[in-house]
Every structure is written in structure tokens, then in C-alpha cells.
N, C-alpha and C. Protein backbone atom coordinates (compact mmCIF):
# COMPACT_ATOMS: atom_id res chain seq x y z
N UNK A 1 -16.45 -36.13 1.19
CA UNK A 1 -17.39 -36.20 -0.09
C UNK A 1 -16.31 -36.01 -1.30
N UNK A 2 -16.18 -36.94 -1.60
CA UNK A 2 -15.29 -37.29 -3.09
C UNK A 2 -16.44 -36.41 -4.33
N UNK A 3 -15.03 -35.49 -5.17
CA UNK A 3 -15.74 -34.88 -6.29
C UNK A 3 -15.20 -35.46 -7.21
N UNK A 4 -15.78 -36.19 -8.51
CA UNK A 4 -14.95 -36.96 -9.97
C UNK A 4 -15.35 -36.12 -11.17
N UNK A 5 -13.95 -34.56 -10.88
CA UNK A 5 -13.99 -33.48 -11.85
C UNK A 5 -14.75 -32.82 -11.32
N UNK A 6 -14.40 -31.39 -12.24
CA UNK A 6 -14.54 -30.40 -12.84
C UNK A 6 -16.56 -30.19 -12.68
N UNK A 7 -16.78 -31.07 -13.62
CA UNK A 7 -18.22 -30.88 -13.54
C UNK A 7 -19.41 -31.84 -12.92
N UNK A 8 -18.60 -32.09 -11.84
CA UNK A 8 -19.27 -32.78 -10.51
C UNK A 8 -20.34 -32.33 -10.05
N UNK A 9 -21.84 -32.20 -9.88
CA UNK A 9 -22.61 -31.15 -9.32
C UNK A 9 -23.53 -32.01 -8.64
N UNK A 10 -23.07 -33.55 -8.37
CA UNK A 10 -23.79 -34.15 -7.27
C UNK A 10 -24.13 -33.56 -5.78
N UNK A 11 -23.49 -32.59 -5.37
CA UNK A 11 -22.83 -32.69 -3.97
C UNK A 11 -23.67 -30.94 -3.96
N UNK A 12 -24.35 -30.29 -4.90
CA UNK A 12 -25.42 -29.24 -5.34
C UNK A 12 -26.58 -29.38 -5.57
N UNK A 13 -27.31 -28.64 -4.37
CA UNK A 13 -29.18 -29.24 -4.53
C UNK A 13 -29.02 -29.37 -5.78
N UNK A 14 -30.19 -30.13 -6.43
CA UNK A 14 -31.47 -29.47 -7.74
C UNK A 14 -31.55 -28.00 -8.06
N UNK A 15 -32.41 -27.20 -6.49
CA UNK A 15 -32.79 -26.14 -7.11
C UNK A 15 -32.19 -25.14 -7.70
N UNK A 16 -30.15 -25.32 -7.24
CA UNK A 16 -29.48 -24.30 -7.78
C UNK A 16 -29.18 -24.85 -9.08
N UNK A 17 -28.73 -26.14 -9.96
CA UNK A 17 -28.75 -27.20 -10.61
C UNK A 17 -29.21 -26.26 -11.82
N UNK A 18 -31.04 -26.10 -11.62
CA UNK A 18 -31.70 -25.40 -11.88
C UNK A 18 -32.17 -23.82 -12.20
N UNK A 19 -31.67 -23.79 -11.67
CA UNK A 19 -31.09 -22.00 -11.67
C UNK A 19 -31.22 -21.35 -12.83
N UNK A 20 -31.37 -20.86 -13.88
CA UNK A 20 -31.60 -19.85 -14.85
C UNK A 20 -30.79 -18.97 -14.53
N UNK A 21 -29.66 -18.78 -15.52
CA UNK A 21 -28.08 -17.59 -15.77
C UNK A 21 -28.38 -16.61 -16.63
N UNK A 22 -27.97 -15.67 -15.75
CA UNK A 22 -28.71 -14.36 -16.65
C UNK A 22 -27.52 -14.11 -17.69
N UNK A 23 -28.22 -13.74 -19.11
CA UNK A 23 -27.93 -14.04 -19.91
C UNK A 23 -26.58 -12.96 -20.01
N UNK A 24 -25.77 -12.42 -19.32
CA UNK A 24 -24.65 -11.90 -18.96
C UNK A 24 -23.51 -13.35 -19.06
N UNK A 25 -24.10 -13.57 -18.05
CA UNK A 25 -22.84 -15.07 -18.20
C UNK A 25 -22.98 -16.18 -18.58
N UNK A 26 -24.21 -16.14 -19.51
CA UNK A 26 -24.34 -17.32 -20.28
C UNK A 26 -23.65 -16.81 -21.73
N UNK A 27 -24.04 -15.59 -21.95
CA UNK A 27 -22.87 -15.09 -23.20
C UNK A 27 -21.62 -14.61 -23.19
N UNK A 28 -20.77 -14.45 -22.15
CA UNK A 28 -19.43 -14.60 -21.53
C UNK A 28 -19.18 -16.14 -21.58
N UNK A 29 -19.70 -16.97 -21.36
CA UNK A 29 -19.65 -18.27 -21.37
C UNK A 29 -19.22 -19.12 -23.51
N UNK A 30 -19.88 -18.33 -23.91
CA UNK A 30 -20.40 -18.61 -25.69
C UNK A 30 -18.93 -18.69 -26.18
N UNK A 31 -18.44 -19.71 -26.48
CA UNK A 31 -16.89 -19.70 -27.36
C UNK A 31 -16.49 -18.15 -28.36
N UNK A 32 -17.44 -17.93 -28.96
CA UNK A 32 -17.49 -16.68 -29.67
C UNK A 32 -17.23 -15.17 -28.43
N UNK A 33 -17.48 -15.21 -27.21
CA UNK A 33 -17.00 -14.10 -26.66
C UNK A 33 -16.01 -13.36 -27.34
N UNK A 34 -16.33 -11.92 -27.23
CA UNK A 34 -14.87 -11.30 -27.09
C UNK A 34 -15.36 -10.37 -26.52
N UNK A 35 -14.45 -10.46 -24.94
CA UNK A 35 -14.14 -9.28 -24.39
C UNK A 35 -14.30 -7.38 -24.93
N UNK A 36 -15.01 -6.94 -24.28
CA UNK A 36 -14.76 -5.70 -24.47
C UNK A 36 -13.73 -4.91 -23.66
N UNK A 37 -13.54 -3.82 -24.61
CA UNK A 37 -11.95 -3.38 -23.73
C UNK A 37 -11.84 -2.14 -23.29
N UNK A 38 -11.10 -1.31 -22.49
CA UNK A 38 -11.90 -0.02 -21.82
C UNK A 38 -10.43 0.14 -22.10
N UNK A 39 -10.48 1.72 -22.37
CA UNK A 39 -8.55 2.67 -22.44
C UNK A 39 -8.63 3.25 -20.93
N UNK A 40 -8.59 2.81 -19.87
CA UNK A 40 -8.33 3.33 -19.02
C UNK A 40 -7.86 2.58 -17.72
N UNK A 41 -6.59 2.65 -17.75
CA UNK A 41 -6.38 1.48 -16.77
C UNK A 41 -6.21 1.92 -15.46
N UNK A 42 -7.08 2.90 -14.47
CA UNK A 42 -7.31 3.54 -14.10
C UNK A 42 -7.92 2.57 -12.97
N UNK A 43 -8.65 1.44 -12.97
CA UNK A 43 -9.29 0.06 -12.15
C UNK A 43 -8.61 -0.82 -12.66
N UNK A 44 -7.99 -1.02 -13.59
CA UNK A 44 -7.30 -2.77 -14.25
C UNK A 44 -7.23 -3.32 -12.42
N UNK A 45 -7.63 -4.88 -12.22
CA UNK A 45 -7.13 -5.22 -11.45
C UNK A 45 -7.86 -5.24 -10.34
N UNK A 46 -8.97 -4.36 -10.38
CA UNK A 46 -10.06 -4.14 -8.70
C UNK A 46 -11.22 -4.51 -9.39
N UNK A 47 -12.37 -4.93 -8.02
CA UNK A 47 -13.52 -4.99 -8.28
C UNK A 47 -14.09 -4.14 -6.81
N UNK A 48 -15.36 -3.87 -7.23
CA UNK A 48 -15.93 -2.54 -5.98
C UNK A 48 -17.35 -3.32 -5.66
N UNK A 49 -17.47 -3.32 -4.37
CA UNK A 49 -18.65 -3.91 -4.04
C UNK A 49 -19.50 -2.76 -3.06
N UNK A 50 -20.68 -1.86 -3.56
CA UNK A 50 -21.01 -0.88 -2.71
C UNK A 50 -22.18 -1.74 -2.35
N UNK A 51 -22.56 -1.50 -1.21
CA UNK A 51 -23.59 -2.64 0.04
C UNK A 51 -24.56 -2.20 -0.35
N UNK A 52 -24.64 -0.26 -0.61
CA UNK A 52 -26.52 0.83 -0.43
C UNK A 52 -26.72 0.35 -1.66
N UNK A 53 -25.71 0.26 -2.61
CA UNK A 53 -26.29 0.63 -3.82
C UNK A 53 -27.77 0.23 -4.44
N UNK A 54 -28.60 0.83 -4.61
CA UNK A 54 -29.68 0.94 -5.44
C UNK A 54 -29.92 0.35 -6.48
N UNK A 55 -30.59 -0.23 -6.96
CA UNK A 55 -30.99 -0.94 -8.47
C UNK A 55 -31.97 -0.33 -9.12
N UNK A 56 -31.60 0.16 -10.24
CA UNK A 56 -32.39 0.88 -11.18
C UNK A 56 -33.94 0.05 -10.99
N UNK A 57 -34.98 0.78 -11.24
CA UNK A 57 -36.18 0.02 -11.44
C UNK A 57 -36.39 -0.22 -12.39
N UNK A 58 -36.50 -1.53 -12.88
CA UNK A 58 -37.05 -1.84 -14.63
C UNK A 58 -38.46 -2.96 -14.19
N UNK A 59 -38.92 -2.64 -15.65
CA UNK A 59 -40.16 -3.10 -15.91
C UNK A 59 -40.14 -4.59 -16.19
N UNK A 60 -40.95 -5.27 -15.50
CA UNK A 60 -41.28 -6.63 -15.38
C UNK A 60 -40.33 -7.67 -16.75
N UNK A 61 -40.69 -6.93 -17.88
CA UNK A 61 -40.83 -8.02 -18.86
C UNK A 61 -39.02 -7.66 -18.78
N UNK A 62 -38.32 -6.92 -18.70
CA UNK A 62 -37.34 -6.15 -18.90
C UNK A 62 -36.02 -6.91 -17.61
N UNK A 63 -36.52 -7.20 -16.29
CA UNK A 63 -36.17 -8.58 -15.37
C UNK A 63 -35.91 -9.72 -16.40
N UNK A 64 -37.13 -9.80 -16.47
CA UNK A 64 -37.63 -11.63 -17.29
C UNK A 64 -36.47 -12.20 -18.47
N UNK A 65 -36.55 -10.52 -19.52
CA UNK A 65 -35.52 -10.64 -20.79
C UNK A 65 -33.95 -11.18 -19.52
N UNK A 66 -33.60 -10.38 -19.32
CA UNK A 66 -32.14 -10.54 -18.50
C UNK A 66 -32.16 -11.37 -18.28
N UNK A 67 -33.03 -12.25 -17.15
CA UNK A 67 -32.89 -13.71 -16.69
C UNK A 67 -33.19 -14.99 -17.89
N UNK A 68 -34.03 -14.53 -18.35
CA UNK A 68 -34.43 -15.57 -19.98
C UNK A 68 -33.05 -15.46 -21.03
N UNK A 69 -33.16 -14.35 -21.14
CA UNK A 69 -31.87 -14.21 -22.32
C UNK A 69 -32.83 -14.03 -23.76
N UNK A 70 -34.05 -13.16 -23.09
CA UNK A 70 -34.75 -13.01 -24.66
C UNK A 70 -34.48 -11.85 -25.45
N UNK A 71 -35.80 -11.29 -26.39
CA UNK A 71 -36.26 -10.03 -26.67
C UNK A 71 -34.46 -8.99 -26.97
N UNK A 72 -34.83 -7.95 -26.95
CA UNK A 72 -34.21 -6.84 -27.66
C UNK A 72 -33.46 -5.75 -26.32
N UNK A 73 -33.89 -5.53 -25.51
CA UNK A 73 -33.40 -4.86 -24.76
C UNK A 73 -32.27 -5.03 -23.79
N UNK A 74 -31.32 -5.58 -24.24
CA UNK A 74 -30.18 -6.32 -23.31
C UNK A 74 -30.05 -5.77 -22.10
N UNK A 75 -30.67 -4.45 -21.90
CA UNK A 75 -30.08 -3.92 -20.41
C UNK A 75 -28.24 -3.69 -20.25
N UNK A 76 -28.09 -2.83 -21.38
CA UNK A 76 -26.78 -2.43 -21.52
C UNK A 76 -26.57 -1.70 -20.45
N UNK A 77 -25.22 -1.51 -19.97
CA UNK A 77 -24.18 -0.48 -19.09
C UNK A 77 -24.44 0.74 -19.48
N UNK A 78 -24.00 1.56 -18.96
CA UNK A 78 -24.34 2.67 -19.49
C UNK A 78 -22.59 3.32 -19.26
N UNK A 79 -21.94 2.73 -18.58
CA UNK A 79 -20.36 2.62 -18.65
C UNK A 79 -19.61 2.47 -19.64
N UNK A 80 -18.66 3.51 -19.69
CA UNK A 80 -18.37 3.49 -21.22
C UNK A 80 -16.83 2.31 -21.74
N UNK A 81 -16.91 1.69 -20.36
CA UNK A 81 -15.84 0.71 -20.90
C UNK A 81 -17.04 -0.87 -20.73
N UNK A 82 -18.12 -0.10 -20.44
CA UNK A 82 -18.83 -1.67 -20.86
C UNK A 82 -19.64 -1.78 -22.01
N UNK A 83 -18.91 -0.77 -23.17
CA UNK A 83 -19.81 -0.40 -24.55
C UNK A 83 -19.44 -1.83 -25.52
């Protein structure tokens, strides 16, 4: 399968091309985005996946705001590094 550049999406099903992106993705893709810094070097360069992590309960409106990018309830992380 040939690909004609970085933005050639013809091999991806339309269902995936039309999926809404979470606000966190659209915000970080913006040219005006400035990453926040954390004063800790403890976990620099590491990622972590916790398979048994339980997502917090969220009202339907909060979940919709997250995926659609609307509203004020930004679903902020409570981590000191994510503020």
C-alpha cells in the first residue's frame, strides 16, 4: 500500500477519520499551546500504564464536554505537574 505523504489518510476507515478528538489533543496541537512544566525530575522520560486503573465517575455532560471541547469544566488533572 502506497502512502503519499504524512497527511495521506486514504487507508484509514472513514469511521476513524471522523472520530472527535478529545480537547486535550486539540489543545496540544494548537500553535499557541505552551506545555506546563513540572519541578520534579523523578519521572522524566517515563510513562506508566496501570491496567486496573478505575476511571472517576463523571456526569454525562462532563464527558461530552471533554470529547466535544465545550464548556468550562475542563476536567483538569489534580496532579501538581498537570496544572
